[in-house]
């Protein structure tokens, strides 16, 4: 039986949650309205990006 991949999402050192897909985690990050350094970590997978306050403000208008 194959092990299910789990992706853990952080902003800074704050764990935001665990997700079954990269897409689900990134959609959650986008909808969180949080700013800072995001890190998404899974087995054989790692992605990092930064969301600036101005990006959140632009999306709200």
C-alpha atoms as a PDB file:
ATOM      1  CA  UNK A   1       0.000   0.000   0.000  1.00  0.00           C
ATOM      2  CA  UNK A   2       1.348   3.424  -0.957  1.00  0.00           C
ATOM      3  CA  UNK A   3       1.821   6.012   1.732  1.00  0.00           C
ATOM      4  CA  UNK A   4      -0.323   9.095   1.204  1.00  0.00           C
ATOM      5  CA  UNK A   5       1.666  12.298   0.702  1.00  0.00           C
ATOM      6  CA  UNK A   6       1.034  14.981   3.285  1.00  0.00           C
ATOM      7  CA  UNK A   7       2.156  18.583   2.768  1.00  0.00           C
ATOM      8  CA  UNK A   8       2.702  20.818   5.792  1.00  0.00           C
ATOM      9  CA  UNK A   9       2.216  24.565   5.381  1.00  0.00           C
ATOM     10  CA  UNK A  10       3.956  27.158   7.554  1.00  0.00           C
ATOM     11  CA  UNK A  11       4.085  30.940   7.632  1.00  0.00           C
ATOM     12  CA  UNK A  12       7.247  31.788   9.507  1.00  0.00           C
ATOM     13  CA  UNK A  13       7.431  29.152  12.232  1.00  0.00           C
ATOM     14  CA  UNK A  14       3.631  28.966  12.620  1.00  0.00           C
ATOM     15  CA  UNK A  15       2.173  25.701  11.322  1.00  0.00           C
ATOM     16  CA  UNK A  16      -0.998  26.467   9.380  1.00  0.00           C
ATOM     17  CA  UNK A  17      -1.996  22.898   8.649  1.00  0.00           C
ATOM     18  CA  UNK A  18      -1.471  19.654   6.773  1.00  0.00           C
ATOM     19  CA  UNK A  19      -2.902  19.066   3.313  1.00  0.00           C
ATOM     20  CA  UNK A  20      -3.311  16.140   0.930  1.00  0.00           C
ATOM     21  CA  UNK A  21      -2.273  18.140  -2.149  1.00  0.00           C
ATOM     22  CA  UNK A  22       0.000  21.025  -3.093  1.00  0.00           C
ATOM     23  CA  UNK A  23      -2.904  22.833  -4.736  1.00  0.00           C
ATOM     24  CA  UNK A  24      -5.075  22.577  -1.624  1.00  0.00           C
ATOM     25  CA  UNK A  25      -2.257  23.997   0.538  1.00  0.00           C
ATOM     26  CA  UNK A  26      -1.550  26.886  -1.849  1.00  0.00           C
ATOM     27  CA  UNK A  27      -5.246  27.778  -2.101  1.00  0.00           C
ATOM     28  CA  UNK A  28      -5.451  27.827   1.699  1.00  0.00           C
ATOM     29  CA  UNK A  29      -2.364  30.067   1.896  1.00  0.00           C
ATOM     30  CA  UNK A  30      -3.858  32.473  -0.668  1.00  0.00           C
ATOM     31  CA  UNK A  31      -7.184  32.688   1.176  1.00  0.00           C
ATOM     32  CA  UNK A  32      -5.574  33.100   4.624  1.00  0.00           C
ATOM     33  CA  UNK A  33      -4.791  36.816   4.090  1.00  0.00           C
ATOM     34  CA  UNK A  34      -1.539  36.246   6.001  1.00  0.00           C
ATOM     35  CA  UNK A  35       1.740  37.873   5.031  1.00  0.00           C
ATOM     36  CA  UNK A  36       5.311  36.702   5.419  1.00  0.00           C
ATOM     37  CA  UNK A  37       7.451  33.749   4.406  1.00  0.00           C
ATOM     38  CA  UNK A  38       5.393  30.694   3.476  1.00  0.00           C
ATOM     39  CA  UNK A  39       6.965  27.237   3.396  1.00  0.00           C
ATOM     40  CA  UNK A  40       5.289  24.129   2.050  1.00  0.00           C
ATOM     41  CA  UNK A  41       7.078  20.901   2.935  1.00  0.00           C
ATOM     42  CA  UNK A  42       6.354  17.323   1.902  1.00  0.00           C
ATOM     43  CA  UNK A  43       8.298  14.152   1.213  1.00  0.00           C
ATOM     44  CA  UNK A  44      10.709  15.003  -1.633  1.00  0.00           C
ATOM     45  CA  UNK A  45       9.009  18.412  -2.001  1.00  0.00           C
ATOM     46  CA  UNK A  46       9.713  21.902  -0.715  1.00  0.00           C
ATOM     47  CA  UNK A  47       8.440  25.300  -1.868  1.00  0.00           C
ATOM     48  CA  UNK A  48       8.868  28.739  -0.348  1.00  0.00           C
ATOM     49  CA  UNK A  49       7.422  32.126  -1.235  1.00  0.00           C
ATOM     50  CA  UNK A  50       6.897  35.512   0.363  1.00  0.00           C
ATOM     51  CA  UNK A  51       3.615  37.426   0.500  1.00  0.00           C
ATOM     52  CA  UNK A  52       3.933  41.170   1.077  1.00  0.00           C
ATOM     53  CA  UNK A  53       1.295  43.261   2.848  1.00  0.00           C
ATOM     54  CA  UNK A  54       0.773  45.279  -0.340  1.00  0.00           C
ATOM     55  CA  UNK A  55      -0.225  42.087  -2.193  1.00  0.00           C
ATOM     56  CA  UNK A  56      -2.992  41.400   0.349  1.00  0.00           C
ATOM     57  CA  UNK A  57      -4.226  45.006   0.183  1.00  0.00           C
ATOM     58  CA  UNK A  58      -4.295  44.864  -3.645  1.00  0.00           C
ATOM     59  CA  UNK A  59      -6.448  41.713  -3.524  1.00  0.00           C
ATOM     60  CA  UNK A  60      -8.936  43.315  -1.133  1.00  0.00           C
ATOM     61  CA  UNK A  61      -9.629  46.270  -3.464  1.00  0.00           C
END
